[in-house]
Amino acid sequence: MDGKNRSSLTIIHLLGFQTPHSITLLIFFLLLIVYCVTVCGNLLIITLVSYSKSLHSPMYFFLSHLSISDILLATDILPNTLHALSMKKTIMSFSDCITQFYFFDVSETSECLLLTVMCYDRYVAICKPLHYTLAMNFQFCYKMVITCWVLSVSIVLILTLTISQLTFCDLNVIDHFFCDLYPILQLSCSDTSFVQLEVTLLSSLFVVIPFFIIIVSYVYIIITIFKMSSISSRQRVFSTCSSHLTIVCIYYGTLLCVYLIPSRGKSWDITKFLSLLYTVATPLMNPIIYSLRNKDLKEAVDKIIHYCLDLLWHKQHNVLSN
C-alpha cells in the first residue's frame, strides 16, 4: 500500500499564476527581463571580483558567492515559472519537483549564512578596525565560504531525503509557481509531523540564529557609529553597511511573512506575491542595491570598459595600417 501510494504520484501540476489573459504576456516578458538582468548583473559581479585586483577584499569575496547563490535561485525558479505562465500551468515529474525544492532550499540556506558572514565582516571592519586585517584574512574567508556551502548542501539533502520518504496520495496539484515545502507536504497522505519538526529545528539553526546574530551585530555597529564625533565619518561608515542592511530587511522580512505568519486566513495569491519577493526580487536587487551603487565596483567597470575600447581601437588601427 505504501509503495503503491508513493509510485502513484509521478506527475505534478503547478498552477502558477492565475492571471487574466490580457496581462499574462506582460508579466511573462517582465519576468523574462528580470531573469536576464539578474543573471547578467550577478555574473558581472563575479567577473569583476575575480579579475579586478582592487576588489580582492573579504567583503567582495563574500559578495561574489552571494551572487552565485542568487544565480542558482533565479535559474531554479524563473525558467519554470515562465513556462507555467505561458502554458497557464506546467507539468513536471515528482522527482523534478523534489529536485527543484532541493536547489531552492540550498540557495535560500546559503543566502542566510552568507548574509550572516557578510554582517560579521562589517562588524569587524567598523567595531574592531585594528583587528580587521588579522581577523578577516583570506584563509579564514575561504573556510567560512566553504562551511556555508557544505552546510547548505548537506543539511538540505537530509531534509529532502526525509520528504521523499513520505507517502503521497493521488492528489497532484500544487497551487504555486514552484515546488515549495508546504505545498509539497500538502500532497502527502502520511503523518508529516516529523518533517515539520525537522524543518523547525533546521530553521532555528540556519535562519533564526543567523538572523539573531545579524541583529546583535548591527546593534553594536549602530552604537559604534553614534560614538563617532564627526558626522561625515558616521555617514561614511553607515553607507558601507546600509545596502547590506536593506537586503537583510527585505529578505528576512518576506521569509518571516511567508513561513512564520499562520497560513489560516492568508490567501495563496498573497503567499505567491511574498514568495516572488525573496525568490525573484531579492536576487535582482542584490547586485543593484548592494553592488552597482558601490564606488569601487563602478571604477572597476570603468577600467574594463576603457580597456576594451583601447583594445578595439588598437585592433582597428592595426587593420588600417596593414
C-alpha atoms as a PDB file:
ATOM      1  CA  MET A   1       0.000   0.000   0.000  1.00  0.00           C
ATOM      2  CA  ASP A   2       2.836   2.355   0.912  1.00  0.00           C
ATOM      3  CA  GLY A   3       4.727   1.628  -2.299  1.00  0.00           C
ATOM      4  CA  LYS A   4       1.550   1.980  -4.335  1.00  0.00           C
ATOM      5  CA  ASN A   5       0.808   5.425  -2.928  1.00  0.00           C
ATOM      6  CA  ARG A   6       4.376   6.540  -3.438  1.00  0.00           C
ATOM      7  CA  SER A   7       4.530   5.343  -7.030  1.00  0.00           C
ATOM      8  CA  SER A   8       1.092   6.775  -7.886  1.00  0.00           C
ATOM      9  CA  LEU A   9       2.385  10.335  -7.606  1.00  0.00           C
ATOM     10  CA  THR A  10       4.631  10.649 -10.631  1.00  0.00           C
ATOM     11  CA  ILE A  11       3.320  13.877 -12.178  1.00  0.00           C
ATOM     12  CA  ILE A  12       2.935  17.293 -10.505  1.00  0.00           C
ATOM     13  CA  HIS A  13       0.648  20.023 -11.877  1.00  0.00           C
ATOM     14  CA  LEU A  14       1.885  23.512 -10.950  1.00  0.00           C
ATOM     15  CA  LEU A  15      -0.909  26.041 -11.382  1.00  0.00           C
ATOM     16  CA  GLY A  16       1.443  29.034 -11.325  1.00  0.00           C
ATOM     17  CA  PHE A  17      -0.149  32.476 -11.529  1.00  0.00           C
ATOM     18  CA  GLN A  18      -3.837  32.571 -12.384  1.00  0.00           C
ATOM     19  CA  THR A  19      -3.604  35.928 -14.149  1.00  0.00           C
ATOM     20  CA  PRO A  20      -6.041  37.408 -16.682  1.00  0.00           C
ATOM     21  CA  HIS A  21      -5.087  36.589 -20.256  1.00  0.00           C
ATOM     22  CA  SER A  22      -4.757  40.298 -21.092  1.00  0.00           C
ATOM     23  CA  ILE A  23      -1.778  40.803 -18.770  1.00  0.00           C
ATOM     24  CA  THR A  24      -0.180  37.345 -18.937  1.00  0.00           C
ATOM     25  CA  LEU A  25       2.099  38.325 -21.823  1.00  0.00           C
ATOM     26  CA  LEU A  26       3.167  41.481 -19.986  1.00  0.00           C
ATOM     27  CA  ILE A  27       4.052  39.537 -16.823  1.00  0.00           C
ATOM     28  CA  PHE A  28       5.883  36.930 -18.922  1.00  0.00           C
ATOM     29  CA  PHE A  29       8.156  39.494 -20.574  1.00  0.00           C
ATOM     30  CA  LEU A  30       8.622  41.351 -17.281  1.00  0.00           C
ATOM     31  CA  LEU A  31       9.836  38.177 -15.533  1.00  0.00           C
ATOM     32  CA  LEU A  32      11.985  37.293 -18.562  1.00  0.00           C
ATOM     33  CA  ILE A  33      13.694  40.701 -18.350  1.00  0.00           C
ATOM     34  CA  VAL A  34      14.092  40.269 -14.582  1.00  0.00           C
ATOM     35  CA  TYR A  35      15.748  36.878 -15.103  1.00  0.00           C
ATOM     36  CA  CYS A  36      18.154  38.180 -17.753  1.00  0.00           C
ATOM     37  CA  VAL A  37      19.095  41.232 -15.662  1.00  0.00           C
ATOM     38  CA  THR A  38      19.522  39.056 -12.544  1.00  0.00           C
ATOM     39  CA  VAL A  39      21.869  36.597 -14.237  1.00  0.00           C
ATOM     40  CA  CYS A  40      23.842  39.275 -16.098  1.00  0.00           C
ATOM     41  CA  GLY A  41      24.121  41.543 -13.044  1.00  0.00           C
ATOM     42  CA  ASN A  42      25.339  38.773 -10.761  1.00  0.00           C
ATOM     43  CA  LEU A  43      27.709  37.379 -13.410  1.00  0.00           C
ATOM     44  CA  LEU A  44      29.136  40.886 -13.769  1.00  0.00           C
ATOM     45  CA  ILE A  45      29.853  40.997 -10.036  1.00  0.00           C
ATOM     46  CA  ILE A  46      31.543  37.568 -10.088  1.00  0.00           C
ATOM     47  CA  THR A  47      33.663  38.618 -13.084  1.00  0.00           C
ATOM     48  CA  LEU A  48      34.659  41.962 -11.576  1.00  0.00           C
ATOM     49  CA  VAL A  49      35.604  40.443  -8.216  1.00  0.00           C
ATOM     50  CA  SER A  50      37.602  37.684  -9.935  1.00  0.00           C
ATOM     51  CA  TYR A  51      39.626  39.892 -12.292  1.00  0.00           C
ATOM     52  CA  SER A  52      39.875  43.289 -10.581  1.00  0.00           C
ATOM     53  CA  LYS A  53      42.678  43.451  -8.013  1.00  0.00           C
ATOM     54  CA  SER A  54      41.060  46.440  -6.283  1.00  0.00           C
ATOM     55  CA  LEU A  55      38.105  44.201  -5.363  1.00  0.00           C
ATOM     56  CA  HIS A  56      40.190  41.429  -3.782  1.00  0.00           C
ATOM     57  CA  SER A  57      38.840  42.025  -0.281  1.00  0.00           C
ATOM     58  CA  PRO A  58      36.710  39.878   2.071  1.00  0.00           C
ATOM     59  CA  MET A  59      33.558  41.947   1.510  1.00  0.00           C
ATOM     60  CA  TYR A  60      33.609  41.462  -2.276  1.00  0.00           C
ATOM     61  CA  PHE A  61      34.702  37.856  -1.952  1.00  0.00           C
ATOM     62  CA  PHE A  62      31.573  37.107   0.101  1.00  0.00           C
ATOM     63  CA  LEU A  63      29.527  39.212  -2.299  1.00  0.00           C
ATOM     64  CA  SER A  64      30.638  37.111  -5.278  1.00  0.00           C
ATOM     65  CA  HIS A  65      29.426  33.953  -3.525  1.00  0.00           C
ATOM     66  CA  LEU A  66      26.143  35.673  -2.707  1.00  0.00           C
ATOM     67  CA  SER A  67      25.846  36.310  -6.450  1.00  0.00           C
ATOM     68  CA  ILE A  68      26.413  32.600  -7.150  1.00  0.00           C
ATOM     69  CA  SER A  69      23.595  31.804  -4.726  1.00  0.00           C
ATOM     70  CA  ASP A  70      21.336  34.370  -6.440  1.00  0.00           C
ATOM     71  CA  ILE A  71      22.005  32.899  -9.896  1.00  0.00           C
ATOM     72  CA  LEU A  72      21.250  29.419  -8.562  1.00  0.00           C
ATOM     73  CA  LEU A  73      17.977  30.621  -7.031  1.00  0.00           C
ATOM     74  CA  ALA A  74      16.821  32.565 -10.095  1.00  0.00           C
ATOM     75  CA  THR A  75      17.725  29.738 -12.504  1.00  0.00           C
ATOM     76  CA  ASP A  76      15.968  27.184 -10.334  1.00  0.00           C
ATOM     77  CA  ILE A  77      12.708  29.173 -10.134  1.00  0.00           C
ATOM     78  CA  LEU A  78      12.231  31.551 -13.062  1.00  0.00           C
ATOM     79  CA  PRO A  79      12.551  29.354 -16.205  1.00  0.00           C
ATOM     80  CA  ASN A  80       9.886  27.004 -14.881  1.00  0.00           C
ATOM     81  CA  THR A  81       7.742  29.978 -13.804  1.00  0.00           C
ATOM     82  CA  LEU A  82       7.943  31.437 -17.300  1.00  0.00           C
ATOM     83  CA  HIS A  83       6.846  28.093 -18.712  1.00  0.00           C
ATOM     84  CA  ALA A  84       3.933  27.976 -16.268  1.00  0.00           C
ATOM     85  CA  LEU A  85       2.882  31.492 -17.295  1.00  0.00           C
ATOM     86  CA  SER A  86       2.920  30.679 -20.992  1.00  0.00           C
ATOM     87  CA  MET A  87       1.013  27.395 -20.521  1.00  0.00           C
ATOM     88  CA  LYS A  88      -1.260  28.608 -17.640  1.00  0.00           C
ATOM     89  CA  LYS A  89       0.030  25.590 -15.724  1.00  0.00           C
ATOM     90  CA  THR A  90       3.044  23.340 -16.008  1.00  0.00           C
ATOM     91  CA  ILE A  91       3.556  19.608 -15.641  1.00  0.00           C
ATOM     92  CA  MET A  92       6.691  18.174 -14.075  1.00  0.00           C
ATOM     93  CA  SER A  93       7.692  14.818 -12.657  1.00  0.00           C
ATOM     94  CA  PHE A  94       7.667  14.311  -8.904  1.00  0.00           C
ATOM     95  CA  SER A  95      11.445  13.796  -8.912  1.00  0.00           C
ATOM     96  CA  ASP A  96      11.895  17.102 -10.774  1.00  0.00           C
ATOM     97  CA  CYS A  97       9.685  18.796  -8.204  1.00  0.00           C
ATOM     98  CA  ILE A  98      11.787  17.449  -5.335  1.00  0.00           C
ATOM     99  CA  THR A  99      14.961  18.464  -7.185  1.00  0.00           C
ATOM    100  CA  GLN A 100      13.643  21.999  -7.646  1.00  0.00           C
ATOM    101  CA  PHE A 101      12.845  22.198  -3.941  1.00  0.00           C
ATOM    102  CA  TYR A 102      16.336  20.947  -3.083  1.00  0.00           C
ATOM    103  CA  PHE A 103      18.189  23.597  -5.098  1.00  0.00           C
ATOM    104  CA  PHE A 104      15.740  26.272  -3.937  1.00  0.00           C
ATOM    105  CA  ASP A 105      16.403  25.402  -0.297  1.00  0.00           C
ATOM    106  CA  VAL A 106      20.181  25.169  -0.840  1.00  0.00           C
ATOM    107  CA  SER A 107      20.239  28.687  -2.284  1.00  0.00           C
ATOM    108  CA  GLU A 108      17.997  30.038   0.497  1.00  0.00           C
ATOM    109  CA  THR A 109      20.100  28.450   3.255  1.00  0.00           C
ATOM    110  CA  SER A 110      23.366  29.596   1.712  1.00  0.00           C
ATOM    111  CA  GLU A 111      21.927  33.108   1.365  1.00  0.00           C
ATOM    112  CA  CYS A 112      21.089  33.210   5.085  1.00  0.00           C
ATOM    113  CA  LEU A 113      24.569  32.015   6.043  1.00  0.00           C
ATOM    114  CA  LEU A 114      26.396  34.282   3.591  1.00  0.00           C
ATOM    115  CA  LEU A 115      24.428  37.345   4.732  1.00  0.00           C
ATOM    116  CA  THR A 116      25.459  36.482   8.295  1.00  0.00           C
ATOM    117  CA  VAL A 117      29.132  36.152   7.326  1.00  0.00           C
ATOM    118  CA  MET A 118      28.955  39.462   5.444  1.00  0.00           C
ATOM    119  CA  CYS A 119      27.434  41.068   8.530  1.00  0.00           C
ATOM    120  CA  TYR A 120      30.308  39.747  10.647  1.00  0.00           C
ATOM    121  CA  ASP A 121      32.734  41.250   8.137  1.00  0.00           C
ATOM    122  CA  ARG A 122      31.070  44.683   8.552  1.00  0.00           C
ATOM    123  CA  TYR A 123      31.052  44.262  12.345  1.00  0.00           C
ATOM    124  CA  VAL A 124      34.805  43.623  12.494  1.00  0.00           C
ATOM    125  CA  ALA A 125      35.546  46.415   9.985  1.00  0.00           C
ATOM    126  CA  ILE A 126      33.538  49.024  11.939  1.00  0.00           C
ATOM    127  CA  CYS A 127      33.756  47.906  15.570  1.00  0.00           C
ATOM    128  CA  LYS A 128      37.256  46.382  15.571  1.00  0.00           C
ATOM    129  CA  PRO A 129      39.088  48.079  12.680  1.00  0.00           C
ATOM    130  CA  LEU A 130      42.563  47.469  14.144  1.00  0.00           C
ATOM    131  CA  HIS A 131      41.958  43.709  14.151  1.00  0.00           C
ATOM    132  CA  TYR A 132      40.298  43.581  10.700  1.00  0.00           C
ATOM    133  CA  THR A 133      43.310  42.538   8.622  1.00  0.00           C
ATOM    134  CA  LEU A 134      44.260  39.790  11.056  1.00  0.00           C
ATOM    135  CA  ALA A 135      40.715  38.539  11.730  1.00  0.00           C
ATOM    136  CA  MET A 136      39.424  38.627   8.134  1.00  0.00           C
ATOM    137  CA  ASN A 137      42.396  37.076   6.340  1.00  0.00           C
ATOM    138  CA  PHE A 138      41.668  35.135   3.166  1.00  0.00           C
ATOM    139  CA  GLN A 139      42.301  31.764   4.777  1.00  0.00           C
ATOM    140  CA  PHE A 140      39.514  32.498   7.252  1.00  0.00           C
ATOM    141  CA  CYS A 141      37.249  33.812   4.460  1.00  0.00           C
ATOM    142  CA  TYR A 142      37.725  30.662   2.371  1.00  0.00           C
ATOM    143  CA  LYS A 143      36.917  28.497   5.383  1.00  0.00           C
ATOM    144  CA  MET A 144      33.754  30.488   6.101  1.00  0.00           C
ATOM    145  CA  VAL A 145      32.523  30.271   2.497  1.00  0.00           C
ATOM    146  CA  ILE A 146      33.248  26.546   2.229  1.00  0.00           C
ATOM    147  CA  THR A 147      31.446  25.989   5.535  1.00  0.00           C
ATOM    148  CA  CYS A 148      28.397  27.927   4.286  1.00  0.00           C
ATOM    149  CA  TRP A 149      28.113  25.865   1.104  1.00  0.00           C
ATOM    150  CA  VAL A 150      28.848  22.488   2.729  1.00  0.00           C
ATOM    151  CA  LEU A 151      26.277  23.103   5.466  1.00  0.00           C
ATOM    152  CA  SER A 152      23.672  24.251   2.932  1.00  0.00           C
ATOM    153  CA  VAL A 153      24.162  21.269   0.601  1.00  0.00           C
ATOM    154  CA  SER A 154      24.309  18.607   3.325  1.00  0.00           C
ATOM    155  CA  ILE A 155      21.558  19.866   5.653  1.00  0.00           C
ATOM    156  CA  VAL A 156      19.067  20.439   2.829  1.00  0.00           C
ATOM    157  CA  LEU A 157      19.909  16.989   1.446  1.00  0.00           C
ATOM    158  CA  ILE A 158      18.894  15.423   4.766  1.00  0.00           C
ATOM    159  CA  LEU A 159      15.575  17.299   4.728  1.00  0.00           C
ATOM    160  CA  THR A 160      14.903  16.442   1.074  1.00  0.00           C
ATOM    161  CA  LEU A 161      15.569  12.742   1.645  1.00  0.00           C
ATOM    162  CA  THR A 162      13.170  12.793   4.603  1.00  0.00           C
ATOM    163  CA  ILE A 163      10.442  14.370   2.459  1.00  0.00           C
ATOM    164  CA  SER A 164      10.985  11.879  -0.359  1.00  0.00           C
ATOM    165  CA  GLN A 165      10.299   9.025   2.097  1.00  0.00           C
ATOM    166  CA  LEU A 166       6.766  10.270   2.794  1.00  0.00           C
ATOM    167  CA  THR A 167       3.728   8.540   1.355  1.00  0.00           C
ATOM    168  CA  PHE A 168       1.959  10.632  -1.265  1.00  0.00           C
ATOM    169  CA  CYS A 169      -1.639  10.333  -2.437  1.00  0.00           C
ATOM    170  CA  ASP A 170      -3.149  10.688  -5.883  1.00  0.00           C
ATOM    171  CA  LEU A 171      -3.689  14.443  -5.395  1.00  0.00           C
ATOM    172  CA  ASN A 172      -1.015  16.083  -7.551  1.00  0.00           C
ATOM    173  CA  VAL A 173      -1.997  19.750  -7.965  1.00  0.00           C
ATOM    174  CA  ILE A 174       0.163  22.468  -6.384  1.00  0.00           C
ATOM    175  CA  ASP A 175      -1.326  25.958  -6.334  1.00  0.00           C
ATOM    176  CA  HIS A 176       2.025  27.713  -6.507  1.00  0.00           C
ATOM    177  CA  PHE A 177       4.598  28.750  -9.114  1.00  0.00           C
ATOM    178  CA  PHE A 178       7.323  26.450  -7.751  1.00  0.00           C
ATOM    179  CA  CYS A 179       7.698  23.391  -5.528  1.00  0.00           C
ATOM    180  CA  ASP A 180       7.893  24.925  -2.070  1.00  0.00           C
ATOM    181  CA  LEU A 181       7.955  22.977   1.184  1.00  0.00           C
ATOM    182  CA  TYR A 182       4.388  23.283   2.448  1.00  0.00           C
ATOM    183  CA  PRO A 183       2.678  22.763  -0.936  1.00  0.00           C
ATOM    184  CA  ILE A 184       4.655  19.521  -1.262  1.00  0.00           C
ATOM    185  CA  LEU A 185       3.715  18.406   2.264  1.00  0.00           C
ATOM    186  CA  GLN A 186       0.045  19.050   1.475  1.00  0.00           C
ATOM    187  CA  LEU A 187       0.230  16.317  -1.170  1.00  0.00           C
ATOM    188  CA  SER A 188       1.238  13.741   1.426  1.00  0.00           C
ATOM    189  CA  CYS A 189      -1.367  11.449   2.977  1.00  0.00           C
ATOM    190  CA  SER A 190       1.020  10.297   5.723  1.00  0.00           C
ATOM    191  CA  ASP A 191       1.947  11.938   9.002  1.00  0.00           C
ATOM    192  CA  THR A 192       4.234  14.921   8.308  1.00  0.00           C
ATOM    193  CA  SER A 193       4.781  15.924  11.941  1.00  0.00           C
ATOM    194  CA  PHE A 194       8.362  14.576  11.954  1.00  0.00           C
ATOM    195  CA  VAL A 195       9.211  16.549   8.806  1.00  0.00           C
ATOM    196  CA  GLN A 196       7.710  19.704  10.291  1.00  0.00           C
ATOM    197  CA  LEU A 197       9.684  19.157  13.493  1.00  0.00           C
ATOM    198  CA  GLU A 198      12.837  18.714  11.429  1.00  0.00           C
ATOM    199  CA  VAL A 199      12.053  21.892   9.485  1.00  0.00           C
ATOM    200  CA  THR A 200      11.509  23.825  12.724  1.00  0.00           C
ATOM    201  CA  LEU A 201      14.823  22.620  14.135  1.00  0.00           C
ATOM    202  CA  LEU A 202      16.786  23.353  10.955  1.00  0.00           C
ATOM    203  CA  SER A 203      15.093  26.745  10.535  1.00  0.00           C
ATOM    204  CA  SER A 204      16.065  27.653  14.086  1.00  0.00           C
ATOM    205  CA  LEU A 205      19.689  26.699  13.420  1.00  0.00           C
ATOM    206  CA  PHE A 206      20.130  28.183   9.951  1.00  0.00           C
ATOM    207  CA  VAL A 207      17.573  31.008   9.748  1.00  0.00           C
ATOM    208  CA  VAL A 208      16.619  32.242  13.232  1.00  0.00           C
ATOM    209  CA  ILE A 209      20.089  32.071  14.825  1.00  0.00           C
ATOM    210  CA  PRO A 210      21.812  33.796  11.850  1.00  0.00           C
ATOM    211  CA  PHE A 211      19.100  36.474  11.948  1.00  0.00           C
ATOM    212  CA  PHE A 212      19.707  36.954  15.686  1.00  0.00           C
ATOM    213  CA  ILE A 213      23.469  37.237  15.059  1.00  0.00           C
ATOM    214  CA  ILE A 214      22.813  39.893  12.398  1.00  0.00           C
ATOM    215  CA  ILE A 215      20.578  41.896  14.756  1.00  0.00           C
ATOM    216  CA  VAL A 216      23.124  41.784  17.604  1.00  0.00           C
ATOM    217  CA  SER A 217      25.950  42.727  15.214  1.00  0.00           C
ATOM    218  CA  TYR A 218      24.037  45.745  13.904  1.00  0.00           C
ATOM    219  CA  VAL A 219      23.237  46.873  17.443  1.00  0.00           C
ATOM    220  CA  TYR A 220      26.990  47.030  18.130  1.00  0.00           C
ATOM    221  CA  ILE A 221      27.598  48.662  14.730  1.00  0.00           C
ATOM    222  CA  ILE A 222      24.998  51.377  15.382  1.00  0.00           C
ATOM    223  CA  ILE A 223      26.378  52.016  18.894  1.00  0.00           C
ATOM    224  CA  THR A 224      29.880  52.378  17.418  1.00  0.00           C
ATOM    225  CA  ILE A 225      28.624  54.758  14.714  1.00  0.00           C
ATOM    226  CA  PHE A 226      26.893  57.013  17.268  1.00  0.00           C
ATOM    227  CA  LYS A 227      30.097  57.175  19.316  1.00  0.00           C
ATOM    228  CA  MET A 228      31.890  58.827  16.396  1.00  0.00           C
ATOM    229  CA  SER A 229      32.306  62.565  16.828  1.00  0.00           C
ATOM    230  CA  SER A 230      32.318  63.506  13.141  1.00  0.00           C
ATOM    231  CA  ILE A 231      29.001  63.474  11.259  1.00  0.00           C
ATOM    232  CA  SER A 232      30.781  62.846   7.962  1.00  0.00           C
ATOM    233  CA  SER A 233      32.507  59.819   9.500  1.00  0.00           C
ATOM    234  CA  ARG A 234      29.147  58.494  10.673  1.00  0.00           C
ATOM    235  CA  GLN A 235      27.646  58.874   7.216  1.00  0.00           C
ATOM    236  CA  ARG A 236      30.646  57.280   5.509  1.00  0.00           C
ATOM    237  CA  VAL A 237      30.725  54.292   7.865  1.00  0.00           C
ATOM    238  CA  PHE A 238      26.962  53.767   7.754  1.00  0.00           C
ATOM    239  CA  SER A 239      26.987  53.857   3.946  1.00  0.00           C
ATOM    240  CA  THR A 240      29.313  50.840   3.920  1.00  0.00           C
ATOM    241  CA  CYS A 241      26.660  48.641   5.575  1.00  0.00           C
ATOM    242  CA  SER A 242      23.359  50.313   4.591  1.00  0.00           C
ATOM    243  CA  SER A 243      22.985  48.260   1.392  1.00  0.00           C
ATOM    244  CA  HIS A 244      23.576  45.005   3.253  1.00  0.00           C
ATOM    245  CA  LEU A 245      21.071  46.044   5.919  1.00  0.00           C
ATOM    246  CA  THR A 246      18.473  46.821   3.220  1.00  0.00           C
ATOM    247  CA  ILE A 247      18.854  43.384   1.641  1.00  0.00           C
ATOM    248  CA  VAL A 248      18.663  41.688   5.056  1.00  0.00           C
ATOM    249  CA  CYS A 249      15.414  43.536   5.914  1.00  0.00           C
ATOM    250  CA  ILE A 250      13.777  42.641   2.586  1.00  0.00           C
ATOM    251  CA  TYR A 251      14.971  39.044   2.593  1.00  0.00           C
ATOM    252  CA  TYR A 252      14.183  38.139   6.193  1.00  0.00           C
ATOM    253  CA  GLY A 253      11.021  40.247   6.215  1.00  0.00           C
ATOM    254  CA  THR A 254       9.455  38.250   3.392  1.00  0.00           C
ATOM    255  CA  LEU A 255      10.688  34.936   4.854  1.00  0.00           C
ATOM    256  CA  LEU A 256       9.015  35.758   8.170  1.00  0.00           C
ATOM    257  CA  CYS A 257       5.766  36.727   6.418  1.00  0.00           C
ATOM    258  CA  VAL A 258       5.639  33.547   4.337  1.00  0.00           C
ATOM    259  CA  TYR A 259       6.776  30.930   6.849  1.00  0.00           C
ATOM    260  CA  LEU A 260       6.060  32.282  10.333  1.00  0.00           C
ATOM    261  CA  ILE A 261       2.726  34.055   9.901  1.00  0.00           C
ATOM    262  CA  PRO A 262      -0.085  31.463  10.205  1.00  0.00           C
ATOM    263  CA  SER A 263      -1.429  30.402   6.819  1.00  0.00           C
ATOM    264  CA  ARG A 264      -5.028  30.470   8.056  1.00  0.00           C
ATOM    265  CA  GLY A 265      -6.738  33.467   6.507  1.00  0.00           C
ATOM    266  CA  LYS A 266      -3.787  34.141   4.193  1.00  0.00           C
ATOM    267  CA  SER A 267      -4.693  33.574   0.540  1.00  0.00           C
ATOM    268  CA  TRP A 268      -2.396  31.784  -1.888  1.00  0.00           C
ATOM    269  CA  ASP A 269      -2.232  34.954  -4.012  1.00  0.00           C
ATOM    270  CA  ILE A 270      -0.599  36.814  -1.103  1.00  0.00           C
ATOM    271  CA  THR A 271       1.731  33.871  -0.464  1.00  0.00           C
ATOM    272  CA  LYS A 272       2.769  33.807  -4.117  1.00  0.00           C
ATOM    273  CA  PHE A 273       3.422  37.546  -4.112  1.00  0.00           C
ATOM    274  CA  LEU A 274       5.563  37.340  -0.969  1.00  0.00           C
ATOM    275  CA  SER A 275       7.393  34.333  -2.414  1.00  0.00           C
ATOM    276  CA  LEU A 276       8.149  36.411  -5.518  1.00  0.00           C
ATOM    277  CA  LEU A 277       9.923  38.971  -3.329  1.00  0.00           C
ATOM    278  CA  TYR A 278      12.559  36.604  -1.964  1.00  0.00           C
ATOM    279  CA  THR A 279      12.843  34.234  -4.947  1.00  0.00           C
ATOM    280  CA  VAL A 280      12.793  36.802  -7.764  1.00  0.00           C
ATOM    281  CA  ALA A 281      13.121  40.363  -6.420  1.00  0.00           C
ATOM    282  CA  THR A 282      15.946  39.780  -3.922  1.00  0.00           C
ATOM    283  CA  PRO A 283      18.354  38.127  -6.429  1.00  0.00           C
ATOM    284  CA  LEU A 284      17.630  41.058  -8.766  1.00  0.00           C
ATOM    285  CA  MET A 285      18.137  43.749  -6.124  1.00  0.00           C
ATOM    286  CA  ASN A 286      21.311  42.300  -4.597  1.00  0.00           C
ATOM    287  CA  PRO A 287      23.605  43.414  -7.467  1.00  0.00           C
ATOM    288  CA  ILE A 288      21.734  46.721  -7.819  1.00  0.00           C
ATOM    289  CA  ILE A 289      21.369  47.789  -4.193  1.00  0.00           C
ATOM    290  CA  TYR A 290      24.466  46.214  -2.695  1.00  0.00           C
ATOM    291  CA  SER A 291      26.930  46.340  -5.549  1.00  0.00           C
ATOM    292  CA  LEU A 292      26.310  48.527  -8.547  1.00  0.00           C
ATOM    293  CA  ARG A 293      25.916  51.588  -6.298  1.00  0.00           C
ATOM    294  CA  ASN A 294      29.366  50.884  -4.895  1.00  0.00           C
ATOM    295  CA  LYS A 295      32.172  53.258  -5.886  1.00  0.00           C
ATOM    296  CA  ASP A 296      34.820  50.513  -6.135  1.00  0.00           C
ATOM    297  CA  LEU A 297      32.681  48.419  -8.467  1.00  0.00           C
ATOM    298  CA  LYS A 298      31.891  51.434 -10.657  1.00  0.00           C
ATOM    299  CA  GLU A 299      35.604  52.151 -11.004  1.00  0.00           C
ATOM    300  CA  ALA A 300      36.256  48.504 -11.897  1.00  0.00           C
ATOM    301  CA  VAL A 301      33.553  48.638 -14.578  1.00  0.00           C
ATOM    302  CA  ASP A 302      35.041  51.862 -15.996  1.00  0.00           C
ATOM    303  CA  LYS A 303      38.502  50.273 -16.170  1.00  0.00           C
ATOM    304  CA  ILE A 304      37.175  47.238 -18.038  1.00  0.00           C
ATOM    305  CA  ILE A 305      35.202  49.424 -20.471  1.00  0.00           C
ATOM    306  CA  HIS A 306      38.244  51.612 -21.174  1.00  0.00           C
ATOM    307  CA  TYR A 307      40.434  48.533 -21.579  1.00  0.00           C
ATOM    308  CA  CYS A 308      38.016  47.004 -24.088  1.00  0.00           C
ATOM    309  CA  LEU A 309      37.735  50.292 -26.016  1.00  0.00           C
ATOM    310  CA  ASP A 310      41.525  50.675 -26.158  1.00  0.00           C
ATOM    311  CA  LEU A 311      41.878  47.069 -27.312  1.00  0.00           C
ATOM    312  CA  LEU A 312      39.268  47.631 -30.037  1.00  0.00           C
ATOM    313  CA  TRP A 313      40.931  50.869 -31.142  1.00  0.00           C
ATOM    314  CA  HIS A 314      44.367  49.240 -31.412  1.00  0.00           C
ATOM    315  CA  LYS A 315      42.890  46.335 -33.353  1.00  0.00           C
ATOM    316  CA  GLN A 316      41.195  48.668 -35.843  1.00  0.00           C
ATOM    317  CA  HIS A 317      44.386  50.755 -36.111  1.00  0.00           C
ATOM    318  CA  ASN A 318      46.452  47.653 -36.923  1.00  0.00           C
ATOM    319  CA  VAL A 319      43.927  46.586 -39.580  1.00  0.00           C
ATOM    320  CA  LEU A 320      44.023  50.027 -41.242  1.00  0.00           C
ATOM    321  CA  SER A 321      47.829  50.102 -41.098  1.00  0.00           C
ATOM    322  CA  ASN A 322      48.061  46.749 -42.864  1.00  0.00           C
END
